[in-house]
Amino acid sequence: MIQLELESSGDLPEGGAFGGGRRRERGFALTGGGRSARDSSFEVELEGRLVFSNDSGRPVLLELKGTISTERSNEFERQGRTMSMETAQAGTFEQTLTLSED
């Protein structure tokens, strides 16, 4: 058995991470012209185990549990007015994979 501790964090790409972001931004910009600034990030912390079968020499079980969080801030400027939005989401993650030989 191998104990696992996985951590990752970073910046999310524009648009795709929250679905439809570019369409919303484009729609806002088309109504009066303007500019926008965006900052999106994520953090993942997982723990688990990978179990190997000595008989077959291959993995037979993977279990992962942990947390995932995202933060996003947007600032739009249009016709001399500025609108700011911040969103934070957090949740738990749990995945179990059982591998068998057929």
Protein backbone atom coordinates (compact mmCIF):
# COMPACT_ATOMS: atom_id res chain seq x y z
CA MET A 1 0.00 0.00 0.00
CA ILE A 2 1.20 3.49 -0.87
CA GLN A 3 -0.12 6.46 1.14
CA LEU A 4 -0.80 9.51 -1.03
CA GLU A 5 -0.85 13.22 -0.23
CA LEU A 6 -1.54 15.44 -3.22
CA GLU A 7 -1.67 19.24 -3.33
CA SER A 8 -2.08 21.57 -6.25
CA SER A 9 -2.92 25.22 -6.78
CA GLY A 10 -2.74 27.69 -9.58
CA ASP A 11 -4.53 29.97 -11.96
CA LEU A 12 -7.55 28.84 -13.96
CA PRO A 13 -7.69 29.57 -17.69
CA GLU A 14 -10.04 32.35 -18.80
CA GLY A 15 -13.54 31.43 -19.87
CA GLY A 16 -13.85 27.65 -19.57
CA ALA A 17 -13.55 27.13 -15.83
CA PHE A 18 -16.96 28.54 -14.93
CA GLY A 19 -18.81 28.02 -18.20
CA GLY A 20 -19.89 30.80 -20.52
CA GLY A 21 -17.59 33.42 -19.04
CA ARG A 22 -16.50 34.81 -22.37
CA ARG A 23 -20.09 35.08 -23.60
CA ARG A 24 -21.14 37.03 -20.49
CA GLU A 25 -18.10 39.31 -20.72
CA ARG A 26 -18.59 39.84 -24.44
CA GLY A 27 -22.29 40.66 -23.90
CA PHE A 28 -21.42 43.25 -21.26
CA ALA A 29 -18.76 44.80 -23.47
CA LEU A 30 -21.08 44.96 -26.50
CA THR A 31 -23.64 47.02 -24.61
CA GLY A 32 -21.37 50.00 -24.31
CA GLY A 33 -17.76 49.11 -24.84
CA GLY A 34 -15.34 48.73 -22.00
CA ARG A 35 -12.58 46.65 -20.51
CA SER A 36 -12.37 43.90 -17.95
CA ALA A 37 -9.86 42.31 -15.59
CA ARG A 38 -10.15 38.72 -14.36
CA ASP A 39 -8.40 36.67 -11.69
CA SER A 40 -9.31 33.00 -11.16
CA SER A 41 -7.49 30.43 -9.03
CA PHE A 42 -7.93 26.95 -7.57
CA GLU A 43 -6.60 24.84 -4.71
CA VAL A 44 -6.83 21.05 -4.31
CA GLU A 45 -5.75 18.96 -1.30
CA LEU A 46 -6.22 15.17 -1.46
CA GLU A 47 -5.18 12.21 0.66
CA GLY A 48 -5.59 8.55 -0.09
CA ARG A 49 -4.00 5.24 -0.79
CA LEU A 50 -2.98 3.06 -3.71
CA VAL A 51 -3.15 -0.67 -2.99
CA PHE A 52 -1.05 -3.15 -5.00
CA SER A 53 -1.57 -6.88 -5.35
CA ASN A 54 1.69 -8.75 -4.76
CA ASP A 55 0.29 -11.77 -6.63
CA SER A 56 -0.49 -9.94 -9.88
CA GLY A 57 2.03 -7.09 -9.48
CA ARG A 58 -0.51 -4.39 -10.30
CA PRO A 59 -2.71 -1.84 -8.53
CA VAL A 60 -6.11 -3.07 -7.34
CA LEU A 61 -7.52 -0.06 -5.45
CA LEU A 62 -7.19 3.73 -5.47
CA GLU A 63 -8.96 5.86 -2.85
CA LEU A 64 -8.77 9.67 -2.78
CA LYS A 65 -10.56 12.14 -0.48
CA GLY A 66 -10.10 15.85 0.04
CA THR A 67 -11.16 19.38 -0.73
CA ILE A 68 -11.33 21.52 -3.83
CA SER A 69 -11.81 25.29 -3.82
CA THR A 70 -11.92 28.03 -6.44
CA GLU A 71 -11.86 31.80 -6.22
CA ARG A 72 -12.72 34.25 -8.94
CA SER A 73 -12.78 38.02 -9.13
CA ASN A 74 -13.91 40.11 -12.08
CA GLU A 75 -13.86 43.82 -12.65
CA PHE A 76 -15.67 45.38 -15.60
CA GLU A 77 -15.53 49.00 -16.73
CA ARG A 78 -18.17 50.47 -19.02
CA GLN A 79 -18.98 54.08 -19.78
CA GLY A 80 -17.02 55.35 -16.79
CA ARG A 81 -18.63 52.92 -14.31
CA THR A 82 -16.94 49.97 -12.69
CA MET A 83 -18.56 46.74 -11.51
CA SER A 84 -16.66 44.23 -9.35
CA MET A 85 -17.68 40.65 -8.56
CA GLU A 86 -16.05 38.01 -6.36
CA THR A 87 -17.01 34.35 -6.15
CA ALA A 88 -15.62 31.60 -3.90
CA GLN A 89 -16.64 27.94 -4.10
CA ALA A 90 -15.48 25.01 -1.99
CA GLY A 91 -16.42 21.37 -1.76
CA THR A 92 -15.29 17.89 -1.00
CA PHE A 93 -13.97 15.29 -3.41
CA GLU A 94 -14.12 11.54 -2.98
CA GLN A 95 -13.17 8.90 -5.55
CA THR A 96 -12.70 5.14 -5.20
CA LEU A 97 -11.48 3.00 -8.09
CA THR A 98 -11.44 -0.76 -7.80
CA LEU A 99 -9.45 -2.51 -10.54
CA SER A 100 -10.05 -6.11 -11.49
CA GLU A 101 -8.61 -8.50 -14.02
CA ASP A 102 -11.04 -9.84 -16.63
